Amino acid sequence: MKYFCMSDIHGCLSAFTYSLELVLPHLDEPDTVLMLMGDYIHGGEDSYGVLDRIMALQRQYGSYRVIALMGNHEEMVINGFTTIDDYGYEESAHDRSDDIYTRWMEHLPLYHTDGNTIFVHAGIDEEAEDEWEYGTSDYIFTEKYPAETGHFYDDIKIVAGHVHTSEISGDPRFNGIYFDGHSHYYIDADTPSSGFLNILLVDTDKKEYFEVTEHGVFPVQAYDELDD
C-alpha cells in the first residue's frame, strides 16, 4: 500500500489545495491512500474550508482511501475547550453548525498501522515496545511532547506530526521532513509560518519512504546526512 501523508494543516486551505494537486491524481491508482494526520484547524485562513475539503474527499473516495486521524486541536474542540473559529485567528464567514464537524471529529481514529509503519498525530508510548497499542494513552497519541527520536522496537517506523521539524532539528530554517536515521519520520512543516505542507510517501510493502514535491519524488534522507 502507498500512503501520501500530510499533517498539521492548521486551517491553511491554500497550502492544502496546492499539496492535493500533487496527490489526488494518484488516488485513482490501486492500493493508494491519502493519510491525513491531525490538526486540520486553528492557525490559517480557513479552518472550515479545510474540514469541508477533507469531508468531501472522504465522500468521494471513501474513508478507507482518505484516512483522517485525530489531532490535539480536534480533541480540544470535542472536549469543549475551544471551537473551530475562536482560537484567536480570523476565519472565513461560515453559517453551518459546528455540530456537523464535531460529530465527524469524534469518530476520527487515533492511529493507523500497516506493515511496519505506525501513523499517528503525536506519538506512542515507546517504552511499551510491542505492547504499544495497549500501553499508549489517548493523551500520548495526540499530545506527546517532546518528539522522541532514536531506535524503536524491532523494525517498526513511526510517522508523526505535532512538533515542528524546525524544533526537532534545532534549525529554525528547516521545515522539511525530519528522519532521525532510525525509526521516526516527522512531517509538521509549521505550515501557518512556512506556507507549505510536507508530503511523505510511504510504501508499506517495500518499506520505502519518499518526499513528494513539485520537482519530483525523492528518497528521504536522515537529517544528519542532508547536505548543508
Protein backbone atom coordinates (compact mmCIF):
# COMPACT_ATOMS: atom_id res chain seq x y z
CA MET A 1 0.00 0.00 0.00
CA LYS A 2 1.14 3.54 -0.74
CA TYR A 3 0.29 6.33 1.70
CA PHE A 4 0.59 10.01 0.84
CA CYS A 5 0.92 11.61 4.28
CA MET A 6 0.21 15.19 5.37
CA SER A 7 -0.15 16.60 8.86
CA ASP A 8 -0.87 19.82 10.76
CA ILE A 9 -2.71 21.70 8.01
CA HIS A 10 -3.96 24.16 10.65
CA GLY A 11 -6.57 25.90 8.53
CA CYS A 12 -4.16 26.67 5.68
CA LEU A 13 -6.54 25.86 2.85
CA SER A 14 -4.38 27.31 0.08
CA ALA A 15 -1.36 25.20 1.07
CA PHE A 16 -3.59 22.13 1.41
CA THR A 17 -5.15 22.71 -2.00
CA TYR A 18 -1.73 23.05 -3.60
CA SER A 19 -0.48 19.84 -1.99
CA LEU A 20 -3.59 17.96 -3.04
CA GLU A 21 -2.82 18.78 -6.67
CA LEU A 22 0.30 16.62 -6.30
CA VAL A 23 -1.56 13.75 -4.64
CA LEU A 24 -5.11 13.46 -5.94
CA PRO A 25 -4.17 12.11 -9.39
CA HIS A 26 -2.76 9.06 -7.58
CA LEU A 27 -5.92 8.25 -5.63
CA ASP A 28 -7.41 6.60 -8.69
CA GLU A 29 -4.50 4.17 -8.64
CA PRO A 30 -4.96 0.87 -6.78
CA ASP A 31 -3.64 0.48 -3.24
CA THR A 32 -3.15 4.22 -2.69
CA VAL A 33 -4.28 6.19 0.36
CA LEU A 34 -4.28 9.84 1.41
CA MET A 35 -3.24 9.80 5.08
CA LEU A 36 -4.10 12.99 6.99
CA MET A 37 -2.60 13.03 10.46
CA GLY A 38 -4.50 15.56 12.54
CA ASP A 39 -4.63 19.26 13.44
CA TYR A 40 -6.74 20.40 10.50
CA ILE A 41 -7.87 23.57 12.25
CA HIS A 42 -6.63 26.71 14.04
CA GLY A 43 -3.91 28.88 12.60
CA GLY A 44 -4.59 29.57 8.94
CA GLU A 45 -7.13 31.46 6.90
CA ASP A 46 -9.91 28.88 6.62
CA SER A 47 -10.30 26.02 9.09
CA TYR A 48 -13.85 25.35 7.90
CA GLY A 49 -12.66 25.17 4.31
CA VAL A 50 -10.06 22.56 5.22
CA LEU A 51 -12.62 20.45 7.06
CA ASP A 52 -15.11 20.76 4.20
CA ARG A 53 -12.46 19.61 1.72
CA ILE A 54 -11.44 16.60 3.79
CA MET A 55 -15.04 15.54 4.34
CA ALA A 56 -15.78 15.93 0.63
CA LEU A 57 -12.75 13.82 -0.26
CA GLN A 58 -13.94 11.08 2.09
CA ARG A 59 -17.36 11.13 0.45
CA GLN A 60 -15.74 10.92 -2.98
CA TYR A 61 -13.10 8.26 -2.33
CA GLY A 62 -14.27 6.63 0.89
CA SER A 63 -12.84 6.94 4.39
CA TYR A 64 -10.63 3.90 3.72
CA ARG A 65 -8.86 5.78 0.88
CA VAL A 66 -8.83 9.16 2.64
CA ILE A 67 -7.94 8.44 6.25
CA ALA A 68 -8.11 11.31 8.73
CA LEU A 69 -6.57 10.82 12.17
CA MET A 70 -7.28 12.69 15.39
CA GLY A 71 -5.07 15.63 16.36
CA ASN A 72 -4.93 17.55 19.62
CA HIS A 73 -6.73 20.55 18.11
CA GLU A 74 -9.67 18.38 17.09
CA GLU A 75 -9.62 16.93 20.59
CA MET A 76 -9.81 20.43 22.08
CA VAL A 77 -12.99 21.10 20.12
CA ILE A 78 -14.52 17.75 21.12
CA ASN A 79 -13.76 18.43 24.79
CA GLY A 80 -15.26 21.91 24.63
CA PHE A 81 -12.01 23.75 25.35
CA THR A 82 -12.35 25.77 22.15
CA THR A 83 -14.44 25.94 19.00
CA ILE A 84 -13.38 25.80 15.41
CA ASP A 85 -13.34 29.58 15.00
CA ASP A 86 -12.42 31.01 18.41
CA TYR A 87 -8.72 30.26 18.59
CA GLY A 88 -7.65 33.84 18.05
CA TYR A 89 -7.46 33.80 14.26
CA GLU A 90 -9.63 35.27 11.55
CA GLU A 91 -11.87 32.73 9.89
CA SER A 92 -13.89 32.98 6.73
CA ALA A 93 -17.63 33.59 7.07
CA HIS A 94 -19.44 30.35 7.80
CA ASP A 95 -23.06 29.66 8.58
CA ARG A 96 -23.02 25.90 9.26
CA SER A 97 -23.32 24.47 12.73
CA ASP A 98 -20.13 23.29 14.37
CA ASP A 99 -22.06 20.19 15.43
CA ILE A 100 -21.56 18.71 11.96
CA TYR A 101 -17.82 18.98 12.29
CA THR A 102 -17.67 17.95 15.93
CA ARG A 103 -19.55 14.72 15.21
CA TRP A 104 -17.09 13.99 12.40
CA MET A 105 -14.12 14.68 14.69
CA GLU A 106 -15.49 12.36 17.38
CA HIS A 107 -15.12 9.40 15.02
CA LEU A 108 -11.53 10.08 13.95
CA PRO A 109 -9.13 7.22 14.79
CA LEU A 110 -6.10 7.88 16.98
CA TYR A 111 -3.66 5.93 14.82
CA HIS A 112 -3.36 3.64 11.81
CA THR A 113 -0.94 0.79 11.17
CA ASP A 114 0.16 -1.00 8.02
CA GLY A 115 3.10 -3.34 7.77
CA ASN A 116 5.94 -1.99 9.88
CA THR A 117 4.63 1.59 9.96
CA ILE A 118 2.59 3.39 12.63
CA PHE A 119 0.83 6.60 11.53
CA VAL A 120 -0.13 8.87 14.43
CA HIS A 121 -0.51 12.57 15.16
CA ALA A 122 1.94 12.96 18.05
CA GLY A 123 3.45 9.63 19.02
CA ILE A 124 3.18 6.46 21.07
CA ASP A 125 4.48 5.13 24.38
CA GLU A 126 7.71 3.63 23.12
CA GLU A 127 8.63 2.10 26.46
CA ALA A 128 5.75 -0.32 25.90
CA GLU A 129 7.56 -1.70 22.82
CA ASP A 130 5.44 -4.38 21.13
CA GLU A 131 2.58 -3.67 23.57
CA TRP A 132 2.37 -0.02 22.48
CA GLU A 133 -1.24 -0.28 21.27
CA TYR A 134 -2.36 -1.19 24.79
CA GLY A 135 0.23 0.82 26.68
CA THR A 136 -0.31 4.18 24.98
CA SER A 137 -2.85 6.57 26.47
CA ASP A 138 -5.09 8.71 24.27
CA TYR A 139 -3.19 11.75 25.53
CA ILE A 140 0.11 10.41 24.16
CA PHE A 141 -1.38 9.65 20.74
CA THR A 142 -2.46 13.27 20.32
CA GLU A 143 -0.26 15.31 22.69
CA LYS A 144 3.11 13.59 23.10
CA TYR A 145 5.87 16.11 23.69
CA PRO A 146 8.74 16.44 23.13
CA ALA A 147 9.19 14.43 19.96
CA GLU A 148 11.07 11.20 20.55
CA THR A 149 13.96 10.11 18.35
CA GLY A 150 16.22 7.09 18.13
CA HIS A 151 15.57 3.39 17.67
CA PHE A 152 12.15 1.96 18.49
CA TYR A 153 11.20 -1.70 18.87
CA ASP A 154 12.27 -4.11 16.12
CA ASP A 155 12.00 -2.56 12.62
CA ILE A 156 8.86 -0.52 13.33
CA LYS A 157 8.76 3.00 11.91
CA ILE A 158 6.67 5.86 13.32
CA VAL A 159 5.29 8.65 11.13
CA ALA A 160 4.03 11.64 13.10
CA GLY A 161 3.43 15.38 13.06
CA HIS A 162 2.53 17.64 16.00
CA VAL A 163 6.02 19.09 16.65
CA HIS A 164 7.58 21.40 14.08
CA THR A 165 10.53 19.80 12.33
CA SER A 166 12.42 23.05 12.86
CA GLU A 167 12.20 22.39 16.60
CA ILE A 168 13.17 18.73 16.33
CA SER A 169 16.17 19.52 14.14
CA GLY A 170 17.17 22.56 16.18
CA ASP A 171 17.37 24.58 12.97
CA PRO A 172 14.78 27.37 12.64
CA ARG A 173 15.39 27.43 8.88
CA PHE A 174 14.47 23.75 8.44
CA ASN A 175 10.84 22.81 7.84
CA GLY A 176 11.31 19.69 5.74
CA ILE A 177 10.68 16.04 6.60
CA TYR A 178 12.78 15.04 9.60
CA PHE A 179 14.05 11.44 9.60
CA ASP A 180 16.21 10.58 12.58
CA GLY A 181 18.00 7.80 10.72
CA HIS A 182 16.38 5.13 12.88
CA SER A 183 12.63 4.82 13.49
CA HIS A 184 10.98 8.25 13.25
CA TYR A 185 9.67 10.41 10.42
CA TYR A 186 8.25 13.79 11.45
CA ILE A 187 6.42 15.96 8.91
CA ASP A 188 4.98 19.06 10.65
CA ALA A 189 6.25 21.95 8.50
CA ASP A 190 4.78 24.71 10.72
CA THR A 191 2.51 25.48 7.79
CA PRO A 192 0.97 28.76 9.07
CA SER A 193 4.50 30.19 9.13
CA SER A 194 6.25 28.28 6.31
CA GLY A 195 3.35 28.36 3.86
CA PHE A 196 3.70 24.75 2.73
CA LEU A 197 2.94 21.17 3.76
CA ASN A 198 5.37 18.30 3.71
CA ILE A 199 4.17 15.26 1.75
CA LEU A 200 5.66 11.94 2.79
CA LEU A 201 5.02 8.92 0.55
CA VAL A 202 5.23 5.63 2.43
CA ASP A 203 5.32 2.35 0.52
CA THR A 204 4.49 -0.14 3.26
CA ASP A 205 5.07 -3.17 1.01
CA LYS A 206 8.60 -2.14 0.05
CA LYS A 207 9.30 -0.31 3.34
CA GLU A 208 10.36 2.80 1.44
CA TYR A 209 9.85 6.48 2.34
CA PHE A 210 9.88 9.37 -0.11
CA GLU A 211 9.45 13.13 -0.11
CA VAL A 212 6.92 14.33 -2.72
CA THR A 213 7.47 17.80 -4.21
CA GLU A 214 6.55 19.71 -7.34
CA HIS A 215 10.01 18.78 -8.63
CA GLY A 216 9.61 15.04 -8.17
CA VAL A 217 9.73 12.20 -5.67
CA PHE A 218 12.92 11.67 -3.68
CA PRO A 219 14.06 9.16 -1.04
CA VAL A 220 14.03 10.68 2.44
CA GLN A 221 17.49 11.03 3.93
CA ALA A 222 18.34 11.17 7.59
CA TYR A 223 18.57 14.75 8.77
CA ASP A 224 22.19 14.33 9.82
CA GLU A 225 23.06 13.20 6.29
CA LEU A 226 21.49 16.16 4.50
CA ASP A 227 23.81 18.49 2.62
CA ASP A 228 24.34 21.90 4.17
